Amino acid sequence: GRLADILLGGDELVFLCHPNHPFAGRCVSAERLGGEPFLFREKGSAGRDLVESTLRAGGVEPRPLWQSISTQTLVSGVAEGLGVAVLPLSLVQPALDAGDVCRFWAEGIRFTRRFRLLHHENKYLTRPMEEMIRLCRKAWE
């Protein structure tokens, strides 16, 4: 059977550092990331897996300092100057706007995600399933 594929949307994960960090607002070589302490989401999270695999593909072996299930805890750690992090832009925009943290870039490394909803093409969609699909689409408008 075939799958119906609904593209919901996507997001970008961005590098963050303390505003006084030497990387702040700059684009650095991937090699320079190797010595930085990283603040990560918990092991097994999709964001953590994407970050680690993308960094490794870029030749960087990240050095985890600590991990948290809370994005805000990670942002606070970056704002305290404990390390760098890679987090969803949509969730860290307020901290960027406030000047608590700063973005930086690494040559040849980008993190983008696409979110899709899949279901069997011939599967009967119950009303709750249709409502869930509607809510998912609305969340990504």
C-alpha atoms as a PDB file:
ATOM      1  CA  GLY A   1       0.000   0.000   0.000  1.00  0.00           C
ATOM      2  CA  ARG A   2       1.000   3.591  -0.582  1.00  0.00           C
ATOM      3  CA  LEU A   3       1.481   6.300   1.993  1.00  0.00           C
ATOM      4  CA  ALA A   4      -0.145   9.693   1.874  1.00  0.00           C
ATOM      5  CA  ASP A   5       2.563  12.248   2.646  1.00  0.00           C
ATOM      6  CA  ILE A   6       1.569  15.616   4.094  1.00  0.00           C
ATOM      7  CA  LEU A   7       4.371  18.175   4.450  1.00  0.00           C
ATOM      8  CA  LEU A   8       3.597  20.172   7.590  1.00  0.00           C
ATOM      9  CA  GLY A   9       6.558  22.528   7.617  1.00  0.00           C
ATOM     10  CA  GLY A  10      10.029  22.748   9.032  1.00  0.00           C
ATOM     11  CA  ASP A  11      12.426  24.673  11.145  1.00  0.00           C
ATOM     12  CA  GLU A  12      16.079  25.603  11.435  1.00  0.00           C
ATOM     13  CA  LEU A  13      18.393  24.891  14.322  1.00  0.00           C
ATOM     14  CA  VAL A  14      20.991  27.571  15.016  1.00  0.00           C
ATOM     15  CA  PHE A  15      24.343  27.826  16.805  1.00  0.00           C
ATOM     16  CA  LEU A  16      24.222  29.920  19.980  1.00  0.00           C
ATOM     17  CA  CYS A  17      26.973  31.386  22.149  1.00  0.00           C
ATOM     18  CA  HIS A  18      27.395  34.034  24.837  1.00  0.00           C
ATOM     19  CA  PRO A  19      27.362  37.582  23.383  1.00  0.00           C
ATOM     20  CA  ASN A  20      31.022  38.075  24.460  1.00  0.00           C
ATOM     21  CA  HIS A  21      32.182  34.751  23.005  1.00  0.00           C
ATOM     22  CA  PRO A  22      34.784  35.087  20.202  1.00  0.00           C
ATOM     23  CA  PHE A  23      32.354  33.314  17.801  1.00  0.00           C
ATOM     24  CA  ALA A  24      29.482  35.788  18.393  1.00  0.00           C
ATOM     25  CA  GLY A  25      28.036  36.988  15.086  1.00  0.00           C
ATOM     26  CA  ARG A  26      30.808  35.303  13.097  1.00  0.00           C
ATOM     27  CA  CYS A  27      31.202  32.364  10.750  1.00  0.00           C
ATOM     28  CA  VAL A  28      33.920  30.015  11.991  1.00  0.00           C
ATOM     29  CA  SER A  29      35.577  26.956  10.509  1.00  0.00           C
ATOM     30  CA  ALA A  30      34.099  23.619  11.550  1.00  0.00           C
ATOM     31  CA  GLU A  31      37.433  22.636  13.129  1.00  0.00           C
ATOM     32  CA  ARG A  32      37.112  25.444  15.670  1.00  0.00           C
ATOM     33  CA  LEU A  33      33.953  23.837  17.071  1.00  0.00           C
ATOM     34  CA  GLY A  34      35.851  20.774  18.300  1.00  0.00           C
ATOM     35  CA  GLY A  35      37.254  22.509  21.351  1.00  0.00           C
ATOM     36  CA  GLU A  36      33.983  24.073  22.456  1.00  0.00           C
ATOM     37  CA  PRO A  37      31.910  22.666  25.326  1.00  0.00           C
ATOM     38  CA  PHE A  38      28.424  21.840  23.999  1.00  0.00           C
ATOM     39  CA  LEU A  39      25.182  22.060  25.939  1.00  0.00           C
ATOM     40  CA  PHE A  40      22.893  19.408  24.453  1.00  0.00           C
ATOM     41  CA  ARG A  41      19.343  18.194  24.560  1.00  0.00           C
ATOM     42  CA  GLU A  42      18.970  14.763  26.152  1.00  0.00           C
ATOM     43  CA  LYS A  43      20.264  11.655  24.405  1.00  0.00           C
ATOM     44  CA  GLY A  44      17.611  10.151  22.131  1.00  0.00           C
ATOM     45  CA  SER A  45      15.913  13.454  21.279  1.00  0.00           C
ATOM     46  CA  ALA A  46      15.494  14.043  17.543  1.00  0.00           C
ATOM     47  CA  GLY A  47      17.203  17.441  17.831  1.00  0.00           C
ATOM     48  CA  ARG A  48      20.241  15.961  19.588  1.00  0.00           C
ATOM     49  CA  ASP A  49      20.543  13.159  17.013  1.00  0.00           C
ATOM     50  CA  LEU A  50      20.368  15.661  14.126  1.00  0.00           C
ATOM     51  CA  VAL A  51      22.969  17.959  15.706  1.00  0.00           C
ATOM     52  CA  GLU A  52      25.450  15.205  16.537  1.00  0.00           C
ATOM     53  CA  SER A  53      25.167  13.465  13.155  1.00  0.00           C
ATOM     54  CA  THR A  54      25.432  16.759  11.221  1.00  0.00           C
ATOM     55  CA  LEU A  55      28.453  17.881  13.238  1.00  0.00           C
ATOM     56  CA  ARG A  56      30.169  14.518  12.741  1.00  0.00           C
ATOM     57  CA  ALA A  57      29.448  14.642   8.998  1.00  0.00           C
ATOM     58  CA  GLY A  58      31.175  18.052   9.030  1.00  0.00           C
ATOM     59  CA  GLY A  59      34.219  16.530  10.717  1.00  0.00           C
ATOM     60  CA  VAL A  60      33.430  17.769  14.228  1.00  0.00           C
ATOM     61  CA  GLU A  61      33.431  15.477  17.263  1.00  0.00           C
ATOM     62  CA  PRO A  62      31.329  17.492  19.728  1.00  0.00           C
ATOM     63  CA  ARG A  63      32.391  17.671  23.371  1.00  0.00           C
ATOM     64  CA  PRO A  64      29.230  17.506  25.531  1.00  0.00           C
ATOM     65  CA  LEU A  65      29.478  19.472  28.767  1.00  0.00           C
ATOM     66  CA  TRP A  66      25.970  18.706  29.988  1.00  0.00           C
ATOM     67  CA  GLN A  67      22.496  17.918  28.735  1.00  0.00           C
ATOM     68  CA  SER A  68      18.943  18.906  29.598  1.00  0.00           C
ATOM     69  CA  ILE A  69      15.423  18.143  28.437  1.00  0.00           C
ATOM     70  CA  SER A  70      14.691  21.876  28.722  1.00  0.00           C
ATOM     71  CA  THR A  71      15.495  24.248  25.867  1.00  0.00           C
ATOM     72  CA  GLN A  72      15.249  27.186  28.280  1.00  0.00           C
ATOM     73  CA  THR A  73      17.783  25.611  30.647  1.00  0.00           C
ATOM     74  CA  LEU A  74      20.182  25.234  27.715  1.00  0.00           C
ATOM     75  CA  VAL A  75      19.617  28.859  26.656  1.00  0.00           C
ATOM     76  CA  SER A  76      20.303  29.951  30.260  1.00  0.00           C
ATOM     77  CA  GLY A  77      23.527  27.938  30.258  1.00  0.00           C
ATOM     78  CA  VAL A  78      24.656  29.635  27.038  1.00  0.00           C
ATOM     79  CA  ALA A  79      23.675  33.036  28.500  1.00  0.00           C
ATOM     80  CA  GLU A  80      25.881  32.236  31.531  1.00  0.00           C
ATOM     81  CA  GLY A  81      28.815  31.480  29.221  1.00  0.00           C
ATOM     82  CA  LEU A  82      29.019  27.766  30.058  1.00  0.00           C
ATOM     83  CA  GLY A  83      29.169  26.596  26.447  1.00  0.00           C
ATOM     84  CA  VAL A  84      27.603  26.678  22.995  1.00  0.00           C
ATOM     85  CA  ALA A  85      24.364  25.049  21.870  1.00  0.00           C
ATOM     86  CA  VAL A  86      22.365  24.261  18.749  1.00  0.00           C
ATOM     87  CA  LEU A  87      18.633  24.847  19.232  1.00  0.00           C
ATOM     88  CA  PRO A  88      15.496  25.618  17.167  1.00  0.00           C
ATOM     89  CA  LEU A  89      15.460  29.251  16.065  1.00  0.00           C
ATOM     90  CA  SER A  90      11.734  29.586  16.781  1.00  0.00           C
ATOM     91  CA  LEU A  91      12.287  28.647  20.453  1.00  0.00           C
ATOM     92  CA  VAL A  92      15.348  30.836  21.053  1.00  0.00           C
ATOM     93  CA  GLN A  93      14.249  33.973  19.169  1.00  0.00           C
ATOM     94  CA  PRO A  94      13.123  35.747  22.380  1.00  0.00           C
ATOM     95  CA  ALA A  95      16.570  35.213  23.975  1.00  0.00           C
ATOM     96  CA  LEU A  96      18.246  36.444  20.779  1.00  0.00           C
ATOM     97  CA  ASP A  97      16.001  39.517  20.665  1.00  0.00           C
ATOM     98  CA  ALA A  98      16.789  40.243  24.319  1.00  0.00           C
ATOM     99  CA  GLY A  99      20.527  39.983  23.634  1.00  0.00           C
ATOM    100  CA  ASP A 100      20.977  37.182  26.207  1.00  0.00           C
ATOM    101  CA  VAL A 101      22.613  34.942  23.593  1.00  0.00           C
ATOM    102  CA  CYS A 102      24.096  35.452  20.146  1.00  0.00           C
ATOM    103  CA  ARG A 103      24.056  33.438  16.923  1.00  0.00           C
ATOM    104  CA  PHE A 104      27.107  32.225  15.084  1.00  0.00           C
ATOM    105  CA  TRP A 105      27.661  30.079  12.014  1.00  0.00           C
ATOM    106  CA  ALA A 106      30.023  27.261  11.055  1.00  0.00           C
ATOM    107  CA  GLU A 107      31.280  26.831   7.501  1.00  0.00           C
ATOM    108  CA  GLY A 108      29.447  24.079   5.661  1.00  0.00           C
ATOM    109  CA  ILE A 109      27.148  23.122   8.556  1.00  0.00           C
ATOM    110  CA  ARG A 110      23.410  23.811   8.529  1.00  0.00           C
ATOM    111  CA  PHE A 111      20.607  22.197  10.464  1.00  0.00           C
ATOM    112  CA  THR A 112      17.168  22.157   8.888  1.00  0.00           C
ATOM    113  CA  ARG A 113      14.265  19.849   9.639  1.00  0.00           C
ATOM    114  CA  ARG A 114      11.130  18.999   7.694  1.00  0.00           C
ATOM    115  CA  PHE A 115       8.095  17.606   9.476  1.00  0.00           C
ATOM    116  CA  ARG A 116       5.782  15.249   7.629  1.00  0.00           C
ATOM    117  CA  LEU A 117       2.644  13.391   8.543  1.00  0.00           C
ATOM    118  CA  LEU A 118       2.289   9.968   6.929  1.00  0.00           C
ATOM    119  CA  HIS A 119      -0.701   7.673   6.829  1.00  0.00           C
ATOM    120  CA  HIS A 120      -1.774   4.745   4.680  1.00  0.00           C
ATOM    121  CA  GLU A 121      -3.450   6.125   1.566  1.00  0.00           C
ATOM    122  CA  ASN A 122      -6.409   3.719   1.769  1.00  0.00           C
ATOM    123  CA  LYS A 123      -6.822   3.919   5.549  1.00  0.00           C
ATOM    124  CA  TYR A 124     -10.170   5.186   6.734  1.00  0.00           C
ATOM    125  CA  LEU A 125      -9.576   8.403   8.645  1.00  0.00           C
ATOM    126  CA  THR A 126     -11.778   8.668  11.709  1.00  0.00           C
ATOM    127  CA  ARG A 127     -12.981  12.092  12.800  1.00  0.00           C
ATOM    128  CA  PRO A 128     -10.364  12.326  15.580  1.00  0.00           C
ATOM    129  CA  MET A 129      -7.633  11.456  13.036  1.00  0.00           C
ATOM    130  CA  GLU A 130      -8.922  14.092  10.609  1.00  0.00           C
ATOM    131  CA  GLU A 131      -8.994  16.615  13.459  1.00  0.00           C
ATOM    132  CA  MET A 132      -5.414  15.755  14.419  1.00  0.00           C
ATOM    133  CA  ILE A 133      -4.277  16.289  10.812  1.00  0.00           C
ATOM    134  CA  ARG A 134      -6.137  19.620  10.733  1.00  0.00           C
ATOM    135  CA  LEU A 135      -4.494  20.738  14.003  1.00  0.00           C
ATOM    136  CA  CYS A 136      -1.027  19.715  12.789  1.00  0.00           C
ATOM    137  CA  ARG A 137      -1.500  21.680   9.551  1.00  0.00           C
ATOM    138  CA  LYS A 138      -2.778  24.709  11.476  1.00  0.00           C
ATOM    139  CA  ALA A 139       0.237  24.645  13.808  1.00  0.00           C
ATOM    140  CA  TRP A 140       2.535  25.024  10.786  1.00  0.00           C
ATOM    141  CA  GLU A 141       0.626  27.775   8.968  1.00  0.00           C
END
